[in-house]
Protein backbone atom coordinates (compact mmCIF):
# COMPACT_ATOMS: atom_id res chain seq x y z
CA MET A 1 7.03 -30.26 -40.93
CA ALA A 2 6.50 -28.21 -44.07
CA GLU A 3 2.76 -28.19 -43.39
CA TRP A 4 3.31 -26.99 -39.82
CA GLU A 5 5.66 -24.29 -41.08
CA GLU A 6 3.00 -23.05 -43.50
CA VAL A 7 0.28 -23.07 -40.84
CA LEU A 8 2.42 -21.15 -38.37
CA ARG A 9 3.53 -18.67 -41.03
CA ARG A 10 -0.11 -17.92 -41.83
CA ARG A 11 -0.93 -17.50 -38.14
CA VAL A 12 1.92 -15.04 -37.69
CA GLN A 13 0.76 -13.07 -40.71
CA ALA A 14 -2.85 -13.02 -39.48
CA HIS A 15 -1.87 -11.78 -36.01
CA GLU A 16 0.43 -9.15 -37.52
CA GLU A 17 -2.38 -7.81 -39.71
CA ARG A 18 -4.73 -7.64 -36.73
CA LYS A 19 -2.09 -5.88 -34.63
CA ARG A 20 -1.58 -3.26 -37.33
CA GLU A 21 -5.33 -2.67 -37.49
CA TYR A 22 -5.57 -2.16 -33.73
CA VAL A 23 -2.55 0.17 -33.80
CA ARG A 24 -4.41 2.24 -36.39
CA TRP A 25 -7.36 2.37 -33.99
CA ILE A 26 -5.06 3.72 -31.28
CA ALA A 27 -3.59 6.33 -33.62
CA THR A 28 -7.10 7.42 -34.63
CA GLY A 29 -8.17 7.59 -30.98
CA LEU A 30 -5.15 9.66 -29.99
CA THR A 31 -5.79 12.03 -32.88
CA ALA A 32 -9.44 12.39 -31.87
CA THR A 33 -8.40 12.98 -28.26
CA SER A 34 -5.96 15.72 -29.29
CA VAL A 35 -8.68 17.44 -31.32
CA LEU A 36 -11.17 17.21 -28.45
CA VAL A 37 -8.62 18.59 -25.97
CA GLY A 38 -8.09 21.59 -28.25
CA ILE A 39 -11.83 22.13 -28.54
CA VAL A 40 -12.28 21.91 -24.76
CA ILE A 41 -9.51 24.43 -24.13
CA GLN A 42 -11.11 26.78 -26.64
CA SER A 43 -14.58 26.23 -25.13
CA ILE A 44 -13.39 26.98 -21.59
CA GLY A 45 -12.32 30.43 -22.73
CA THR A 46 -15.89 31.23 -23.81
CA VAL A 47 -17.58 30.69 -20.41
CA ARG A 48 -17.38 32.43 -17.04
CA LEU A 49 -16.50 30.06 -14.22
CA GLY A 50 -16.73 32.52 -11.36
CA SER A 51 -14.18 33.58 -8.76
CA HIS A 52 -13.26 29.99 -7.90
CA PHE A 53 -12.08 29.21 -11.42
CA TYR A 54 -10.03 26.09 -10.69
CA VAL A 55 -12.70 24.56 -8.45
CA SER A 56 -15.35 25.18 -11.12
CA LEU A 57 -13.10 23.68 -13.77
CA SER A 58 -12.38 20.58 -11.69
CA ILE A 59 -16.13 20.16 -11.04
CA LEU A 60 -16.69 20.18 -14.80
CA PHE A 61 -13.98 17.53 -15.14
CA VAL A 62 -15.58 15.36 -12.43
CA GLY A 63 -18.93 15.77 -14.21
CA SER A 64 -17.31 14.60 -17.46
CA TYR A 65 -15.79 11.60 -15.68
CA LEU A 66 -19.11 10.63 -14.08
CA THR A 67 -20.93 10.94 -17.41
CA ALA A 68 -18.37 8.77 -19.22
CA GLN A 69 -18.29 6.24 -16.37
CA PHE A 70 -22.09 6.02 -16.31
CA VAL A 71 -22.25 5.29 -20.04
CA TRP A 72 -19.43 2.75 -19.75
CA GLU A 73 -21.06 0.88 -16.86
CA MET A 74 -24.43 0.77 -18.60
CA ALA A 75 -22.90 -0.58 -21.84
CA ARG A 76 -20.13 -2.74 -20.33
CA GLU A 77 -21.59 -6.10 -21.40
CA LYS A 78 -22.38 -4.94 -24.93
CA ILE A 79 -18.84 -3.60 -25.27
CA THR A 80 -17.47 -6.93 -24.04
CA GLN A 81 -19.63 -8.72 -26.61
CA ALA A 82 -18.34 -6.49 -29.41
CA VAL A 83 -14.69 -6.91 -28.38
CA GLY A 84 -15.11 -10.68 -28.14
CA GLN A 85 -16.58 -10.78 -31.63
CA ILE A 86 -13.68 -8.71 -32.98
CA ALA A 87 -11.12 -10.94 -31.28
CA GLY A 88 -12.86 -14.13 -32.41
CA ALA A 89 -13.84 -15.28 -28.90
CA PRO A 90 -16.94 -17.44 -28.31
CA ARG A 91 -20.00 -15.22 -28.61
CA PHE A 92 -22.46 -14.87 -25.75
CA ALA A 93 -26.03 -14.56 -26.97
CA ARG A 94 -27.24 -12.42 -24.04
CA PRO A 95 -25.56 -9.59 -22.09
CA TRP A 96 -26.43 -11.07 -18.66
CA ASP A 97 -24.40 -14.18 -19.51
CA LEU A 98 -21.30 -11.96 -19.25
CA VAL A 99 -21.86 -11.10 -15.58
CA PRO A 100 -18.86 -12.64 -13.73
CA THR A 101 -19.57 -15.44 -11.28
CA PRO A 102 -17.92 -15.60 -7.82
CA ALA A 103 -15.54 -18.21 -9.23
CA ASP A 104 -14.48 -15.82 -12.00
CA VAL A 105 -13.90 -12.99 -9.53
CA ALA A 106 -11.97 -15.26 -7.17
CA LYS A 107 -9.56 -16.20 -9.98
CA THR A 108 -8.71 -12.55 -10.67
CA PRO A 109 -5.81 -11.24 -8.54
CA LEU A 110 -6.80 -8.64 -5.95
CA LEU A 111 -4.12 -6.30 -7.26
CA LYS A 112 -5.86 -6.18 -10.63
CA HIS A 113 -9.16 -5.20 -9.02
CA VAL A 114 -7.39 -2.47 -7.02
CA TRP A 115 -5.73 -1.21 -10.22
CA GLU A 116 -9.09 -1.01 -11.97
CA LEU A 117 -10.41 1.10 -9.09
CA GLY A 118 -7.49 3.51 -9.43
CA SER A 119 -9.33 6.18 -11.43
CA SER A 120 -12.33 6.03 -9.10
CA LEU A 121 -10.07 6.45 -6.07
CA ALA A 122 -8.30 9.40 -7.72
CA ILE A 123 -11.61 11.17 -8.45
CA THR A 124 -12.75 10.53 -4.87
CA VAL A 125 -9.53 12.09 -3.54
CA VAL A 126 -10.01 15.16 -5.76
CA VAL A 127 -13.60 15.63 -4.57
CA ALA A 128 -12.60 15.13 -0.94
CA LEU A 129 -9.79 17.69 -1.17
CA GLU A 130 -12.10 20.27 -2.72
CA ALA A 131 -14.72 19.58 -0.06
CA TRP A 132 -12.56 19.55 3.05
CA VAL A 133 -9.44 21.56 2.20
CA ILE A 134 -10.55 24.31 -0.20
CA GLN A 135 -13.41 26.27 1.33
CA THR A 136 -15.92 27.43 -1.29
CA PRO A 137 -19.73 27.79 -1.44
CA ALA A 138 -19.76 24.30 -2.99
CA SER A 139 -17.90 22.64 -0.10
CA GLY A 140 -21.05 21.34 1.56
CA VAL A 141 -22.40 19.61 -1.55
CA LEU A 142 -18.95 18.31 -2.49
CA SER A 143 -18.63 16.90 1.02
CA GLN A 144 -21.85 14.94 0.47
CA LEU A 145 -20.53 13.68 -2.86
CA ALA A 146 -17.23 12.63 -1.26
CA GLU A 147 -19.08 10.79 1.50
CA VAL A 148 -21.26 8.96 -1.05
CA ARG A 149 -18.23 7.88 -3.06
CA ILE A 150 -16.20 6.83 0.01
CA ALA A 151 -19.11 4.87 1.45
CA THR A 152 -19.78 3.16 -1.87
CA LEU A 153 -16.11 2.28 -2.40
CA ALA A 154 -15.86 0.91 1.13
CA LEU A 155 -19.06 -1.10 0.75
CA SER A 156 -18.40 -2.46 -2.75
CA GLY A 157 -14.64 -2.88 -2.34
CA GLY A 158 -14.88 -4.28 1.16
CA LEU A 159 -17.96 -6.11 2.35
CA LEU A 160 -19.71 -6.80 -0.97
CA PHE A 161 -16.60 -7.61 -3.00
CA LEU A 162 -14.93 -9.82 -0.40
CA GLY A 163 -18.23 -11.52 0.39
CA TYR A 164 -18.98 -12.10 -3.29
CA ARG A 165 -15.44 -13.26 -3.97
CA SER A 166 -15.52 -15.81 -1.15
CA SER A 167 -19.02 -17.04 -1.98
CA LYS A 168 -19.35 -20.54 -3.42
CA LYS A 169 -22.91 -19.99 -4.57
CA PRO A 170 -23.24 -19.87 -8.39
CA LEU A 171 -25.28 -17.28 -10.21
CA PRO A 172 -28.91 -18.25 -10.88
CA THR A 173 -29.38 -20.22 -14.07
CA GLY A 174 -33.07 -19.46 -14.52
CA GLY A 175 -33.58 -17.07 -17.41
CA ALA A 176 -36.23 -14.81 -15.83
CA ARG A 177 -34.40 -14.53 -12.50
CA ARG A 178 -31.07 -13.80 -14.10
CA VAL A 179 -32.57 -11.17 -16.39
CA GLY A 180 -34.30 -9.60 -13.40
CA LEU A 181 -31.10 -9.41 -11.36
CA PHE A 182 -29.25 -7.97 -14.36
CA PHE A 183 -31.73 -5.13 -14.78
CA VAL A 184 -31.90 -4.52 -11.02
CA GLY A 185 -28.13 -4.09 -11.11
CA LYS A 186 -28.40 -1.63 -13.98
CA ALA A 187 -31.11 0.29 -12.09
CA LEU A 188 -28.81 0.56 -9.04
CA VAL A 189 -25.98 1.79 -11.27
CA SER A 190 -28.31 4.41 -12.77
CA ALA A 191 -29.40 5.58 -9.31
CA TYR A 192 -25.79 5.72 -8.08
CA TYR A 193 -24.50 7.83 -10.95
CA GLY A 194 -27.71 9.84 -11.16
CA LEU A 195 -27.27 10.91 -7.52
CA GLN A 196 -23.64 11.86 -8.13
CA LEU A 197 -24.45 13.84 -11.27
CA TRP A 198 -27.18 15.70 -9.39
CA LEU A 199 -24.77 16.52 -6.53
CA ILE A 200 -22.02 17.67 -8.89
CA GLY A 201 -24.55 19.84 -10.70
CA GLU A 202 -25.63 21.44 -7.41
CA ALA A 203 -21.98 22.03 -6.52
CA PHE A 204 -21.38 23.79 -9.81
CA LEU A 205 -24.46 25.96 -9.35
CA ALA A 206 -23.15 27.00 -5.93
CA VAL A 207 -19.68 28.00 -7.07
CA SER A 208 -20.00 29.27 -10.63
CA ILE A 209 -22.09 31.36 -13.02
CA VAL A 210 -24.65 29.33 -14.96
CA VAL A 211 -27.12 31.91 -16.28
CA LEU A 212 -27.14 31.99 -20.10
CA GLN A 213 -24.23 29.51 -20.21
CA VAL A 214 -26.01 26.17 -19.89
CA PRO A 215 -25.52 24.99 -23.52
CA ALA A 216 -21.82 25.90 -23.50
CA LEU A 217 -21.24 24.22 -20.13
CA ILE A 218 -23.06 21.06 -21.19
CA LEU A 219 -20.94 20.99 -24.34
CA ILE A 220 -17.74 21.20 -22.28
CA VAL A 221 -18.89 18.31 -20.07
CA LEU A 222 -19.77 16.18 -23.10
CA GLU A 223 -16.46 16.99 -24.77
CA GLY A 224 -14.64 15.99 -21.58
CA ALA A 225 -16.69 12.79 -21.43
CA GLY A 226 -15.68 12.11 -25.03
CA ILE A 227 -12.00 12.50 -24.17
CA ILE A 228 -12.29 10.12 -21.21
CA SER A 229 -14.33 7.61 -23.22
CA VAL A 230 -11.83 7.54 -26.09
CA GLY A 231 -8.98 7.12 -23.61
CA ARG A 232 -10.82 4.27 -21.91
CA VAL A 233 -11.42 2.52 -25.25
CA ILE A 234 -7.74 2.85 -26.10
CA TRP A 235 -6.59 1.56 -22.70
CA ARG A 236 -9.18 -1.18 -22.13
CA VAL A 237 -10.02 -2.32 -25.66
CA ALA A 238 -7.49 -1.42 -28.35
CA TRP A 239 -4.25 -1.78 -26.39
CA PRO A 240 -5.08 -5.24 -24.91
CA LEU A 241 -5.84 -6.44 -28.45
CA VAL A 242 -2.49 -5.07 -29.67
CA SER A 243 -0.69 -6.74 -26.77
CA TYR A 244 -2.46 -10.09 -27.30
CA ASN A 245 -1.70 -10.25 -31.01
CA ALA A 246 1.90 -9.12 -30.49
CA ASN A 247 2.41 -11.92 -27.95
CA ALA A 248 0.77 -14.45 -30.28
CA MET A 249 3.04 -13.32 -33.13
CA GLY A 250 6.07 -13.85 -30.92
CA ILE A 251 4.96 -17.33 -29.84
CA TYR A 252 4.21 -18.59 -33.34
CA SER A 253 7.37 -16.97 -34.72
CA ARG A 254 9.52 -18.77 -32.13
CA ILE A 255 7.95 -22.12 -32.99
CA CYS A 256 8.41 -21.45 -36.71
CA ASP A 257 12.07 -20.53 -36.10
CA GLY A 258 12.46 -23.74 -34.09
CA ILE A 259 11.22 -25.77 -37.06
CA LEU A 260 13.66 -24.05 -39.41
CA SER A 261 16.57 -24.56 -37.00
CA GLY A 262 15.77 -28.24 -36.43
CA GLN A 263 14.78 -27.80 -32.77
CA TYR A 264 11.80 -30.15 -33.18
CA PRO A 265 12.64 -33.66 -34.40
CA ASN A 266 9.22 -34.45 -35.89
CA PRO A 267 5.70 -33.00 -36.43
CA ASP A 268 4.48 -34.59 -33.20
CA ALA A 269 6.97 -32.52 -31.21
CA VAL A 270 5.64 -29.35 -32.88
CA SER A 271 2.09 -30.41 -32.07
CA VAL A 272 2.99 -30.95 -28.40
CA GLU A 273 4.64 -27.52 -28.21
CA VAL A 274 1.65 -25.75 -29.80
CA LYS A 275 -0.78 -27.50 -27.44
CA ARG A 276 1.42 -26.62 -24.46
CA ILE A 277 1.52 -22.94 -25.37
CA LEU A 278 -2.16 -22.67 -26.26
CA GLY A 279 -3.01 -24.41 -23.00
CA GLY A 280 -1.07 -21.79 -21.08
CA LYS A 281 1.38 -24.23 -19.55
């Protein structure tokens, strides 16, 4: 029992140290976000956004979102690899091995998938409102962008997602074929976001003043993309690691307290409890 107590104590300490490190990441990210927000606010005051100021500003925000989302989608597997290495998960040698199979997707609750699409739905609503409610010279282009996003969401979230989720066919195991499909997918992602970035650029040209302001406007978009990217890293990377290690600390602490209070009659009972918890039962 003394050996189990020492092992669990060390596990609690290790998880606590990791949690503190990830909390420091969050604090650093929030600080960086605050600084970037201040810089963006200052930068906006140095450019002329035309008579439709709020529409121009929201177009810049959508451009920042699309830029950040494009980078995230292109690097998703590499980010997952890095997070897995940090968390001590089994390492995948190749990015295409991280593409989820239909079985993996089927195990994930639909509500979680809908939640992950929340930001995309919100951006689509903003674009649609600006296209169909607020009449500006950019309404036509924004309408095209809204239609592209709605059609893509309906296709991917409806037919493709439900069809893929219900499919029993596994992903190809052949190296060349799987690599080919992986890069075809990345090419489609590039085309999808490239089209949207082109449309949002045309919308901004139609509604705002661009002459002699291109460097400043690009800087604002990149700063906005930085803010969104940092926020996404905090929400999708750092905070889940904090939550996981906090939960692990609580589990091991409860078992350790049970040993000290005599809840477990022998080491075998502790072993059974640890296996039960680690097995998710």
